[in-house]
N, C-alpha and C. Protein backbone atom coordinates (compact mmCIF):
# COMPACT_ATOMS: atom_id res chain seq x y z
N UNK A 1 22.87 -1.25 -23.76
CA UNK A 1 22.27 -2.51 -24.21
C UNK A 1 20.98 -2.77 -23.43
N UNK A 2 19.92 -3.11 -24.15
CA UNK A 2 18.63 -3.32 -23.50
C UNK A 2 18.56 -4.75 -23.00
N UNK A 3 18.84 -4.96 -21.71
CA UNK A 3 18.92 -6.31 -21.17
C UNK A 3 17.53 -6.94 -21.04
N UNK A 4 16.85 -6.64 -19.94
CA UNK A 4 15.57 -7.29 -19.70
C UNK A 4 14.43 -6.43 -20.21
N UNK A 5 13.88 -6.84 -21.35
CA UNK A 5 12.80 -6.07 -21.96
C UNK A 5 11.60 -5.96 -21.04
N UNK A 6 11.27 -7.07 -20.36
CA UNK A 6 10.07 -7.06 -19.51
C UNK A 6 10.12 -5.94 -18.48
N UNK A 7 11.32 -5.67 -17.96
CA UNK A 7 11.46 -4.62 -16.95
C UNK A 7 11.11 -3.24 -17.52
N UNK A 8 11.27 -3.10 -18.84
CA UNK A 8 10.97 -1.80 -19.46
C UNK A 8 9.49 -1.64 -19.78
N UNK A 9 8.73 -2.73 -19.68
CA UNK A 9 7.31 -2.64 -20.01
C UNK A 9 6.56 -2.21 -18.75
N UNK A 10 6.72 -0.93 -18.45
CA UNK A 10 6.02 -0.31 -17.34
C UNK A 10 5.92 1.18 -17.62
N UNK A 11 5.06 1.85 -16.87
CA UNK A 11 4.88 3.28 -17.09
C UNK A 11 4.12 3.57 -18.37
N UNK A 12 4.46 4.67 -18.99
CA UNK A 12 3.70 5.10 -20.17
C UNK A 12 4.19 4.41 -21.44
N UNK A 13 3.22 3.87 -22.16
CA UNK A 13 3.44 3.17 -23.43
C UNK A 13 2.80 4.08 -24.49
N UNK A 14 3.63 4.80 -25.22
CA UNK A 14 3.11 5.76 -26.21
C UNK A 14 2.83 5.08 -27.54
N UNK A 15 1.73 5.47 -28.17
CA UNK A 15 1.37 4.96 -29.50
C UNK A 15 1.13 6.16 -30.41
N UNK A 16 1.71 6.11 -31.60
CA UNK A 16 1.54 7.24 -32.52
C UNK A 16 0.09 7.38 -32.95
N UNK A 17 -0.39 8.61 -33.13
CA UNK A 17 -1.72 8.79 -33.74
C UNK A 17 -1.67 8.28 -35.18
N UNK A 18 -2.81 7.93 -35.73
CA UNK A 18 -2.88 7.40 -37.09
C UNK A 18 -2.81 8.55 -38.11
N UNK A 19 -1.63 9.12 -38.23
CA UNK A 19 -1.39 10.26 -39.13
C UNK A 19 0.12 10.35 -39.35
N UNK A 20 0.56 11.16 -40.32
CA UNK A 20 2.00 11.29 -40.53
C UNK A 20 2.73 11.67 -39.24
N UNK A 21 3.89 11.09 -39.03
CA UNK A 21 4.63 11.27 -37.78
C UNK A 21 5.25 12.65 -37.68
N UNK A 22 5.04 13.29 -36.53
CA UNK A 22 5.69 14.56 -36.21
C UNK A 22 6.86 14.22 -35.28
N UNK A 23 8.06 14.10 -35.84
CA UNK A 23 9.21 13.62 -35.08
C UNK A 23 9.58 14.53 -33.91
N UNK A 24 9.45 15.86 -34.09
CA UNK A 24 9.76 16.78 -32.99
C UNK A 24 8.83 16.54 -31.82
N UNK A 25 7.54 16.37 -32.11
CA UNK A 25 6.56 16.13 -31.06
C UNK A 25 6.83 14.79 -30.37
N UNK A 26 7.15 13.77 -31.17
CA UNK A 26 7.45 12.45 -30.60
C UNK A 26 8.61 12.55 -29.61
N UNK A 27 9.66 13.24 -30.02
CA UNK A 27 10.83 13.35 -29.13
C UNK A 27 10.47 14.09 -27.84
N UNK A 28 9.69 15.16 -27.97
CA UNK A 28 9.27 15.92 -26.77
C UNK A 28 8.47 15.02 -25.83
N UNK A 29 7.56 14.23 -26.39
CA UNK A 29 6.73 13.33 -25.60
C UNK A 29 7.59 12.28 -24.88
N UNK A 30 8.53 11.68 -25.61
CA UNK A 30 9.41 10.66 -25.01
C UNK A 30 10.17 11.24 -23.82
N UNK A 31 10.70 12.43 -24.00
CA UNK A 31 11.50 13.05 -22.93
C UNK A 31 10.61 13.49 -21.77
N UNK A 32 9.54 14.22 -22.09
CA UNK A 32 8.69 14.80 -21.04
C UNK A 32 8.05 13.74 -20.16
N UNK A 33 7.57 12.65 -20.78
CA UNK A 33 6.82 11.64 -20.02
C UNK A 33 7.64 10.38 -19.73
N UNK A 34 8.96 10.46 -19.99
CA UNK A 34 9.85 9.33 -19.71
C UNK A 34 9.27 8.02 -20.26
N UNK A 35 8.95 8.05 -21.55
CA UNK A 35 8.31 6.92 -22.21
C UNK A 35 9.29 5.75 -22.31
N UNK A 36 8.89 4.59 -21.77
CA UNK A 36 9.73 3.39 -21.79
C UNK A 36 9.52 2.55 -23.04
N UNK A 37 8.32 2.65 -23.59
CA UNK A 37 7.97 1.78 -24.72
C UNK A 37 7.12 2.59 -25.69
N UNK A 38 7.45 2.48 -26.97
CA UNK A 38 6.82 3.33 -27.99
C UNK A 38 6.40 2.46 -29.18
N UNK A 39 5.15 2.61 -29.58
CA UNK A 39 4.63 1.82 -30.69
C UNK A 39 4.30 2.70 -31.90
N UNK A 40 4.79 2.25 -33.05
CA UNK A 40 4.46 2.91 -34.31
C UNK A 40 3.22 2.26 -34.90
N UNK A 41 2.16 3.06 -35.04
CA UNK A 41 0.91 2.56 -35.61
C UNK A 41 0.41 3.61 -36.61
N UNK A 42 0.54 3.30 -37.89
CA UNK A 42 0.06 4.21 -38.94
C UNK A 42 -0.57 3.36 -40.03
N UNK A 43 -1.90 3.42 -40.13
CA UNK A 43 -2.62 2.58 -41.09
C UNK A 43 -2.63 3.25 -42.46
N UNK A 44 -1.46 3.32 -43.08
CA UNK A 44 -1.35 3.88 -44.42
C UNK A 44 -0.92 2.77 -45.37
N UNK A 45 -1.27 2.90 -46.64
CA UNK A 45 -0.86 1.90 -47.64
C UNK A 45 0.47 2.28 -48.29
N UNK A 46 0.99 3.46 -47.95
CA UNK A 46 2.26 3.92 -48.52
C UNK A 46 3.42 3.24 -47.79
N UNK A 47 3.92 2.14 -48.37
CA UNK A 47 4.96 1.34 -47.73
C UNK A 47 6.27 2.11 -47.54
N UNK A 48 6.60 2.98 -48.50
CA UNK A 48 7.83 3.78 -48.38
C UNK A 48 7.74 4.74 -47.19
N UNK A 49 6.57 5.37 -47.05
CA UNK A 49 6.36 6.30 -45.94
C UNK A 49 6.47 5.54 -44.61
N UNK A 50 5.83 4.37 -44.55
CA UNK A 50 5.87 3.57 -43.32
C UNK A 50 7.32 3.21 -42.97
N UNK A 51 8.07 2.82 -43.97
CA UNK A 51 9.47 2.46 -43.72
C UNK A 51 10.25 3.66 -43.19
N UNK A 52 10.11 4.81 -43.87
CA UNK A 52 10.85 6.02 -43.47
C UNK A 52 10.46 6.45 -42.06
N UNK A 53 9.15 6.44 -41.77
CA UNK A 53 8.69 6.84 -40.43
C UNK A 53 9.20 5.87 -39.37
N UNK A 54 9.07 4.57 -39.64
CA UNK A 54 9.49 3.57 -38.66
C UNK A 54 10.99 3.65 -38.42
N UNK A 55 11.75 3.85 -39.50
CA UNK A 55 13.22 3.96 -39.36
C UNK A 55 13.58 5.18 -38.51
N UNK A 56 12.92 6.29 -38.77
CA UNK A 56 13.17 7.52 -37.99
C UNK A 56 12.81 7.35 -36.52
N UNK A 57 11.69 6.69 -36.26
CA UNK A 57 11.26 6.47 -34.88
C UNK A 57 12.20 5.49 -34.16
N UNK A 58 12.65 4.49 -34.90
CA UNK A 58 13.57 3.51 -34.32
C UNK A 58 14.84 4.23 -33.84
N UNK A 59 15.34 5.16 -34.67
CA UNK A 59 16.55 5.91 -34.30
C UNK A 59 16.31 6.76 -33.04
N UNK A 60 15.16 7.45 -33.04
CA UNK A 60 14.81 8.30 -31.88
C UNK A 60 14.72 7.47 -30.61
N UNK A 61 14.03 6.34 -30.70
CA UNK A 61 13.84 5.48 -29.53
C UNK A 61 15.18 4.94 -29.04
N UNK A 62 16.06 4.62 -29.98
CA UNK A 62 17.38 4.11 -29.63
C UNK A 62 18.17 5.17 -28.86
N UNK A 63 18.11 6.42 -29.31
CA UNK A 63 18.80 7.53 -28.65
C UNK A 63 18.32 7.67 -27.20
N UNK A 64 17.00 7.50 -26.99
CA UNK A 64 16.41 7.73 -25.67
C UNK A 64 16.22 6.45 -24.86
N UNK A 65 16.82 5.33 -25.33
CA UNK A 65 16.74 4.05 -24.64
C UNK A 65 15.29 3.63 -24.36
N UNK A 66 14.46 3.82 -25.39
CA UNK A 66 13.03 3.47 -25.33
C UNK A 66 12.81 2.26 -26.24
N UNK A 67 12.06 1.28 -25.77
CA UNK A 67 11.75 0.13 -26.62
C UNK A 67 10.90 0.60 -27.80
N UNK A 68 11.22 0.11 -28.99
CA UNK A 68 10.46 0.49 -30.19
C UNK A 68 9.72 -0.72 -30.75
N UNK A 69 8.39 -0.59 -30.80
CA UNK A 69 7.51 -1.66 -31.24
C UNK A 69 6.76 -1.21 -32.50
N UNK A 70 6.63 -2.12 -33.45
CA UNK A 70 5.83 -1.84 -34.66
C UNK A 70 4.50 -2.56 -34.53
N UNK A 71 3.42 -1.87 -34.85
CA UNK A 71 2.09 -2.47 -34.78
C UNK A 71 1.85 -3.36 -36.00
N UNK A 72 1.43 -4.59 -35.76
CA UNK A 72 0.94 -5.52 -36.80
C UNK A 72 1.97 -6.06 -37.79
N UNK A 73 2.94 -5.28 -38.18
CA UNK A 73 3.75 -5.57 -39.36
C UNK A 73 5.12 -6.18 -39.00
N UNK A 74 5.18 -7.52 -39.00
CA UNK A 74 6.42 -8.22 -38.63
C UNK A 74 7.55 -7.89 -39.60
N UNK A 75 7.24 -7.83 -40.89
CA UNK A 75 8.28 -7.55 -41.89
C UNK A 75 8.88 -6.17 -41.72
N UNK A 76 8.02 -5.18 -41.44
CA UNK A 76 8.52 -3.83 -41.21
C UNK A 76 9.37 -3.79 -39.94
N UNK A 77 8.93 -4.48 -38.91
CA UNK A 77 9.70 -4.55 -37.66
C UNK A 77 11.09 -5.11 -37.92
N UNK A 78 11.15 -6.15 -38.75
CA UNK A 78 12.45 -6.76 -39.08
C UNK A 78 13.31 -5.79 -39.89
N UNK A 79 12.71 -5.13 -40.88
CA UNK A 79 13.46 -4.22 -41.76
C UNK A 79 14.12 -3.08 -41.00
N UNK A 80 13.40 -2.51 -40.03
CA UNK A 80 13.94 -1.33 -39.32
C UNK A 80 14.65 -1.73 -38.02
N UNK A 81 14.78 -3.03 -37.79
CA UNK A 81 15.41 -3.57 -36.58
C UNK A 81 14.73 -3.00 -35.32
N UNK A 82 13.41 -3.11 -35.31
CA UNK A 82 12.63 -2.70 -34.13
C UNK A 82 12.88 -3.68 -33.00
N UNK A 83 12.55 -3.27 -31.78
CA UNK A 83 12.70 -4.18 -30.63
C UNK A 83 11.63 -5.26 -30.63
N UNK A 84 10.54 -5.00 -31.37
CA UNK A 84 9.50 -6.02 -31.41
C UNK A 84 8.28 -5.59 -32.18
N UNK A 85 7.20 -6.36 -31.99
CA UNK A 85 5.97 -6.16 -32.74
C UNK A 85 4.78 -6.36 -31.80
N UNK A 86 3.68 -5.66 -32.11
CA UNK A 86 2.44 -5.87 -31.36
C UNK A 86 1.41 -6.50 -32.30
N UNK A 87 0.83 -7.61 -31.87
CA UNK A 87 -0.09 -8.38 -32.71
C UNK A 87 -1.52 -8.31 -32.21
N UNK A 88 -2.44 -8.11 -33.14
CA UNK A 88 -3.87 -8.17 -32.84
C UNK A 88 -4.38 -9.55 -33.17
N UNK A 89 -5.67 -9.75 -32.94
CA UNK A 89 -6.26 -11.08 -33.12
C UNK A 89 -6.21 -11.57 -34.56
N UNK A 90 -6.21 -10.63 -35.54
CA UNK A 90 -6.21 -11.02 -36.96
C UNK A 90 -4.81 -11.04 -37.56
N UNK A 91 -3.80 -10.74 -36.74
CA UNK A 91 -2.43 -10.68 -37.25
C UNK A 91 -1.76 -12.05 -37.18
N UNK A 92 -0.50 -12.09 -37.57
CA UNK A 92 0.28 -13.34 -37.56
C UNK A 92 0.41 -13.87 -36.13
N UNK A 93 0.84 -15.12 -36.03
CA UNK A 93 0.96 -15.77 -34.72
C UNK A 93 2.25 -15.34 -34.02
N UNK A 94 2.30 -15.58 -32.72
CA UNK A 94 3.50 -15.32 -31.93
C UNK A 94 4.66 -16.16 -32.47
N UNK A 95 4.37 -17.40 -32.83
CA UNK A 95 5.40 -18.31 -33.37
C UNK A 95 6.03 -17.74 -34.63
N UNK A 96 5.19 -17.23 -35.53
CA UNK A 96 5.69 -16.63 -36.78
C UNK A 96 6.55 -15.41 -36.46
N UNK A 97 6.06 -14.56 -35.57
CA UNK A 97 6.81 -13.35 -35.20
C UNK A 97 8.17 -13.73 -34.60
N UNK A 98 8.19 -14.74 -33.75
CA UNK A 98 9.44 -15.22 -33.13
C UNK A 98 10.43 -15.71 -34.18
N UNK A 99 9.90 -16.47 -35.16
CA UNK A 99 10.77 -17.02 -36.22
C UNK A 99 11.45 -15.89 -36.98
N UNK A 100 10.68 -14.86 -37.30
CA UNK A 100 11.21 -13.75 -38.10
C UNK A 100 12.09 -12.82 -37.27
N UNK A 101 11.65 -12.49 -36.06
CA UNK A 101 12.31 -11.45 -35.27
C UNK A 101 13.31 -11.99 -34.24
N UNK A 102 13.27 -13.28 -33.98
CA UNK A 102 14.24 -13.86 -33.05
C UNK A 102 13.72 -13.94 -31.62
N UNK A 103 14.43 -14.71 -30.81
CA UNK A 103 13.93 -15.00 -29.47
C UNK A 103 14.03 -13.81 -28.51
N UNK A 104 14.84 -12.81 -28.85
CA UNK A 104 14.97 -11.63 -27.97
C UNK A 104 13.92 -10.55 -28.26
N UNK A 105 13.18 -10.72 -29.33
CA UNK A 105 12.20 -9.69 -29.71
C UNK A 105 11.08 -9.58 -28.68
N UNK A 106 10.58 -8.36 -28.52
CA UNK A 106 9.41 -8.12 -27.67
C UNK A 106 8.18 -8.38 -28.52
N UNK A 107 7.32 -9.28 -28.05
CA UNK A 107 6.09 -9.56 -28.80
C UNK A 107 4.90 -9.34 -27.88
N UNK A 108 4.12 -8.33 -28.23
CA UNK A 108 2.92 -8.01 -27.46
C UNK A 108 1.70 -8.53 -28.18
N UNK A 109 0.66 -8.87 -27.41
CA UNK A 109 -0.56 -9.42 -27.99
C UNK A 109 -1.78 -8.73 -27.40
N UNK A 110 -2.68 -8.29 -28.27
CA UNK A 110 -3.96 -7.73 -27.81
C UNK A 110 -4.86 -8.87 -27.34
N UNK A 111 -5.34 -8.76 -26.11
CA UNK A 111 -6.21 -9.80 -25.55
C UNK A 111 -7.61 -9.27 -25.24
N UNK A 112 -7.86 -7.99 -25.55
CA UNK A 112 -9.18 -7.37 -25.44
C UNK A 112 -9.71 -7.52 -24.01
N UNK A 113 -10.62 -8.48 -23.78
CA UNK A 113 -11.11 -8.70 -22.41
C UNK A 113 -11.10 -10.19 -22.09
N UNK A 114 -10.15 -10.92 -22.69
CA UNK A 114 -10.13 -12.37 -22.65
C UNK A 114 -8.90 -12.90 -21.88
N UNK A 115 -9.11 -13.27 -20.62
CA UNK A 115 -8.02 -13.78 -19.79
C UNK A 115 -7.45 -15.07 -20.34
N UNK A 116 -8.32 -15.94 -20.88
CA UNK A 116 -7.83 -17.22 -21.44
C UNK A 116 -6.87 -16.97 -22.59
N UNK A 117 -7.20 -16.00 -23.44
CA UNK A 117 -6.33 -15.65 -24.56
C UNK A 117 -4.99 -15.13 -24.03
N UNK A 118 -5.03 -14.37 -22.94
CA UNK A 118 -3.80 -13.83 -22.35
C UNK A 118 -2.91 -14.96 -21.83
N UNK A 119 -3.51 -15.93 -21.15
CA UNK A 119 -2.74 -17.07 -20.62
C UNK A 119 -2.15 -17.88 -21.77
N UNK A 120 -2.97 -18.10 -22.80
CA UNK A 120 -2.50 -18.84 -23.99
C UNK A 120 -1.34 -18.08 -24.66
N UNK A 121 -1.48 -16.76 -24.76
CA UNK A 121 -0.42 -15.93 -25.37
C UNK A 121 0.87 -16.04 -24.56
N UNK A 122 0.74 -15.99 -23.24
CA UNK A 122 1.91 -16.14 -22.36
C UNK A 122 2.56 -17.50 -22.60
N UNK A 123 1.75 -18.55 -22.64
CA UNK A 123 2.27 -19.91 -22.86
C UNK A 123 2.96 -20.04 -24.22
N UNK A 124 2.50 -19.26 -25.20
CA UNK A 124 3.08 -19.30 -26.55
C UNK A 124 4.29 -18.38 -26.71
N UNK A 125 4.65 -17.69 -25.63
CA UNK A 125 5.88 -16.89 -25.68
C UNK A 125 5.70 -15.39 -25.83
N UNK A 126 4.51 -14.87 -25.57
CA UNK A 126 4.33 -13.41 -25.63
C UNK A 126 5.16 -12.73 -24.54
N UNK A 127 5.65 -11.53 -24.83
CA UNK A 127 6.43 -10.76 -23.85
C UNK A 127 5.52 -9.96 -22.93
N UNK A 128 4.37 -9.53 -23.46
CA UNK A 128 3.37 -8.82 -22.67
C UNK A 128 2.02 -8.99 -23.35
N UNK A 129 0.95 -8.72 -22.60
CA UNK A 129 -0.39 -8.74 -23.17
C UNK A 129 -1.06 -7.39 -22.91
N UNK A 130 -1.95 -7.01 -23.81
CA UNK A 130 -2.68 -5.75 -23.67
C UNK A 130 -4.17 -6.04 -23.51
N UNK A 131 -4.80 -5.37 -22.55
CA UNK A 131 -6.23 -5.49 -22.33
C UNK A 131 -6.88 -4.13 -22.56
N UNK A 132 -8.06 -4.12 -23.15
CA UNK A 132 -8.79 -2.88 -23.34
C UNK A 132 -9.83 -3.04 -24.42
N UNK A 133 -10.67 -2.09 -24.47
CA UNK A 133 -10.59 -0.72 -24.01
C UNK A 133 -11.05 -0.60 -22.55
N UNK A 134 -10.18 0.02 -21.73
CA UNK A 134 -10.52 0.17 -20.31
C UNK A 134 -11.54 1.27 -20.10
N UNK A 135 -11.46 2.32 -20.91
CA UNK A 135 -12.37 3.47 -20.80
C UNK A 135 -12.88 3.81 -22.20
N UNK A 136 -13.77 4.80 -22.29
CA UNK A 136 -14.25 5.23 -23.62
C UNK A 136 -13.06 5.78 -24.40
N UNK A 137 -12.91 5.30 -25.64
CA UNK A 137 -11.76 5.69 -26.44
C UNK A 137 -12.20 6.45 -27.69
N UNK A 138 -11.56 7.59 -27.93
CA UNK A 138 -11.85 8.32 -29.17
C UNK A 138 -11.07 7.74 -30.33
N UNK A 139 -9.93 7.06 -30.05
CA UNK A 139 -9.14 6.44 -31.11
C UNK A 139 -9.89 5.26 -31.72
N UNK A 140 -10.49 4.44 -30.84
CA UNK A 140 -11.29 3.29 -31.29
C UNK A 140 -12.64 3.32 -30.56
N UNK A 141 -13.56 4.19 -31.03
CA UNK A 141 -14.81 4.38 -30.30
C UNK A 141 -15.68 3.13 -30.19
N UNK A 142 -15.54 2.18 -31.12
CA UNK A 142 -16.37 0.97 -31.07
C UNK A 142 -15.66 -0.21 -30.42
N UNK A 143 -14.53 0.05 -29.81
CA UNK A 143 -13.76 -1.04 -29.20
C UNK A 143 -14.54 -1.68 -28.06
N UNK A 144 -14.38 -2.99 -27.95
CA UNK A 144 -15.00 -3.75 -26.87
C UNK A 144 -14.42 -3.28 -25.54
N UNK A 145 -15.26 -3.14 -24.52
CA UNK A 145 -14.77 -2.70 -23.22
C UNK A 145 -14.23 -3.87 -22.42
N UNK A 146 -13.24 -3.59 -21.61
CA UNK A 146 -12.65 -4.58 -20.71
C UNK A 146 -12.83 -4.08 -19.28
N UNK A 147 -13.71 -4.73 -18.51
CA UNK A 147 -13.89 -4.31 -17.11
C UNK A 147 -12.59 -4.44 -16.32
N UNK A 148 -12.38 -3.54 -15.38
CA UNK A 148 -11.14 -3.52 -14.60
C UNK A 148 -10.95 -4.81 -13.80
N UNK A 149 -12.06 -5.47 -13.42
CA UNK A 149 -11.94 -6.73 -12.66
C UNK A 149 -11.19 -7.79 -13.47
N UNK A 150 -11.35 -7.74 -14.79
CA UNK A 150 -10.66 -8.73 -15.65
C UNK A 150 -9.14 -8.54 -15.53
N UNK A 151 -8.70 -7.29 -15.47
CA UNK A 151 -7.27 -7.01 -15.30
C UNK A 151 -6.79 -7.61 -13.97
N UNK A 152 -7.55 -7.38 -12.91
CA UNK A 152 -7.16 -7.89 -11.58
C UNK A 152 -7.06 -9.40 -11.58
N UNK A 153 -8.01 -10.07 -12.24
CA UNK A 153 -7.98 -11.55 -12.33
C UNK A 153 -6.79 -12.01 -13.16
N UNK A 154 -6.55 -11.33 -14.28
CA UNK A 154 -5.45 -11.69 -15.18
C UNK A 154 -4.11 -11.54 -14.46
N UNK A 155 -4.01 -10.51 -13.64
CA UNK A 155 -2.76 -10.23 -12.91
C UNK A 155 -2.36 -11.42 -12.04
N UNK A 156 -3.38 -12.07 -11.46
CA UNK A 156 -3.10 -13.24 -10.60
C UNK A 156 -2.61 -14.44 -11.43
N UNK A 157 -3.07 -14.51 -12.68
CA UNK A 157 -2.78 -15.69 -13.52
C UNK A 157 -1.53 -15.54 -14.39
N UNK A 158 -1.03 -14.31 -14.55
CA UNK A 158 0.06 -14.05 -15.50
C UNK A 158 1.38 -13.73 -14.82
N UNK A 159 2.46 -14.09 -15.52
CA UNK A 159 3.81 -13.73 -15.06
C UNK A 159 4.39 -12.59 -15.92
N UNK A 160 3.77 -12.32 -17.06
CA UNK A 160 4.28 -11.28 -17.97
C UNK A 160 3.53 -9.97 -17.73
N UNK A 161 4.11 -8.83 -18.15
CA UNK A 161 3.46 -7.54 -17.91
C UNK A 161 2.11 -7.39 -18.63
N UNK A 162 1.26 -6.58 -18.01
CA UNK A 162 -0.05 -6.25 -18.58
C UNK A 162 -0.05 -4.77 -18.96
N UNK A 163 -0.46 -4.51 -20.20
CA UNK A 163 -0.61 -3.14 -20.69
C UNK A 163 -2.10 -2.84 -20.80
N UNK A 164 -2.54 -1.76 -20.18
CA UNK A 164 -3.92 -1.31 -20.32
C UNK A 164 -4.00 -0.34 -21.48
N UNK A 165 -5.09 -0.41 -22.24
CA UNK A 165 -5.23 0.47 -23.40
C UNK A 165 -6.69 0.91 -23.54
N UNK A 166 -6.89 2.04 -24.15
CA UNK A 166 -8.25 2.49 -24.46
C UNK A 166 -8.74 3.59 -23.54
N UNK A 167 -8.68 4.82 -24.01
CA UNK A 167 -9.23 5.95 -23.27
C UNK A 167 -8.45 6.33 -22.03
N UNK A 168 -7.20 5.88 -21.94
CA UNK A 168 -6.41 6.19 -20.74
C UNK A 168 -5.77 7.57 -20.89
N UNK A 169 -5.86 8.35 -19.81
CA UNK A 169 -5.25 9.68 -19.80
C UNK A 169 -4.63 9.92 -18.42
N UNK A 170 -4.16 11.13 -18.20
CA UNK A 170 -3.47 11.41 -16.94
C UNK A 170 -4.44 11.48 -15.76
N UNK A 171 -5.73 11.62 -16.03
CA UNK A 171 -6.72 11.65 -14.94
C UNK A 171 -7.12 10.26 -14.47
N UNK A 172 -7.10 9.27 -15.38
CA UNK A 172 -7.59 7.94 -14.99
C UNK A 172 -6.51 6.86 -14.97
N UNK A 173 -5.27 7.21 -15.28
CA UNK A 173 -4.24 6.18 -15.39
C UNK A 173 -3.98 5.45 -14.07
N UNK A 174 -4.15 6.15 -12.94
CA UNK A 174 -3.93 5.48 -11.64
C UNK A 174 -4.96 4.39 -11.39
N UNK A 175 -6.15 4.54 -11.96
CA UNK A 175 -7.19 3.50 -11.85
C UNK A 175 -6.71 2.25 -12.57
N UNK A 176 -6.12 2.44 -13.75
CA UNK A 176 -5.60 1.30 -14.53
C UNK A 176 -4.46 0.62 -13.77
N UNK A 177 -3.54 1.41 -13.22
CA UNK A 177 -2.44 0.84 -12.43
C UNK A 177 -3.00 0.09 -11.22
N UNK A 178 -3.98 0.68 -10.57
CA UNK A 178 -4.59 0.08 -9.38
C UNK A 178 -5.24 -1.27 -9.68
N UNK A 179 -5.75 -1.42 -10.90
CA UNK A 179 -6.41 -2.68 -11.30
C UNK A 179 -5.39 -3.77 -11.59
N UNK A 180 -4.12 -3.37 -11.81
CA UNK A 180 -3.09 -4.38 -12.07
C UNK A 180 -2.27 -4.16 -13.32
N UNK A 181 -2.50 -3.06 -14.03
CA UNK A 181 -1.69 -2.79 -15.24
C UNK A 181 -0.26 -2.41 -14.84
N UNK A 182 0.71 -2.94 -15.59
CA UNK A 182 2.10 -2.55 -15.38
C UNK A 182 2.42 -1.30 -16.19
N UNK A 183 1.71 -1.16 -17.30
CA UNK A 183 1.96 -0.07 -18.23
C UNK A 183 0.62 0.43 -18.78
N UNK A 184 0.57 1.70 -19.16
CA UNK A 184 -0.67 2.24 -19.73
C UNK A 184 -0.38 2.85 -21.10
N UNK A 185 -1.15 2.44 -22.08
CA UNK A 185 -0.97 2.93 -23.45
C UNK A 185 -1.78 4.20 -23.66
N UNK A 186 -1.16 5.16 -24.29
CA UNK A 186 -1.84 6.44 -24.56
C UNK A 186 -1.53 6.91 -25.97
N UNK A 187 -2.56 7.49 -26.59
CA UNK A 187 -2.39 8.13 -27.90
C UNK A 187 -2.76 9.61 -27.73
N UNK A 188 -4.06 9.87 -27.62
CA UNK A 188 -4.54 11.26 -27.57
C UNK A 188 -4.03 12.04 -26.39
N UNK A 189 -3.93 11.41 -25.22
CA UNK A 189 -3.47 12.13 -24.02
C UNK A 189 -2.07 12.68 -24.21
N UNK A 190 -1.29 12.03 -25.06
CA UNK A 190 0.09 12.47 -25.30
C UNK A 190 0.20 13.40 -26.51
N UNK A 191 -0.52 13.06 -27.57
CA UNK A 191 -0.30 13.76 -28.85
C UNK A 191 -1.39 14.74 -29.26
N UNK A 192 -2.53 14.75 -28.56
CA UNK A 192 -3.62 15.65 -28.96
C UNK A 192 -3.94 16.66 -27.87
N UNK A 193 -2.95 17.01 -27.10
CA UNK A 193 -3.21 17.96 -26.01
C UNK A 193 -3.43 19.35 -26.59
N UNK A 194 -4.52 19.97 -26.17
CA UNK A 194 -4.92 21.23 -26.78
C UNK A 194 -4.18 22.43 -26.30
């Protein structure tokens, strides 16, 4: 039973690349890097595919005692009984996500480089906040940068975990931890290794 979700929001936070899911690779990544939290992010319009992929990932994460988060889609998160949802600035509110997913759901919020938004998200019941892009990102090359000092300031003001995102790999992840991140999100460093 997954008791305290916040305690699991540390270490490597894996996010799927925006392509069809390779379940064998996902399982290898979860095991090899002891992934505590895993986010399904696939910007496809094929709702059946999204459901099948999310359901398969939810099962895998359950087997490995990894939190399973769905990006953006509260309804999909509810359908596959995910542990929670991650919301961007244009997505539904924390309140809406709570109503649909329940008070035990993990709700993450993208705060980009905005400490005030992070504090507001915490006050509204977010489980964690994400800041980034911390470094140059190939996944989102035009993403707004978040200076590391903002993470350090946010750490003093927040009680909930901070996830760093954007261009993080095994060479620079200690810099993100040093700035105050509890967890580091990775896509390419995990799934695009040559």
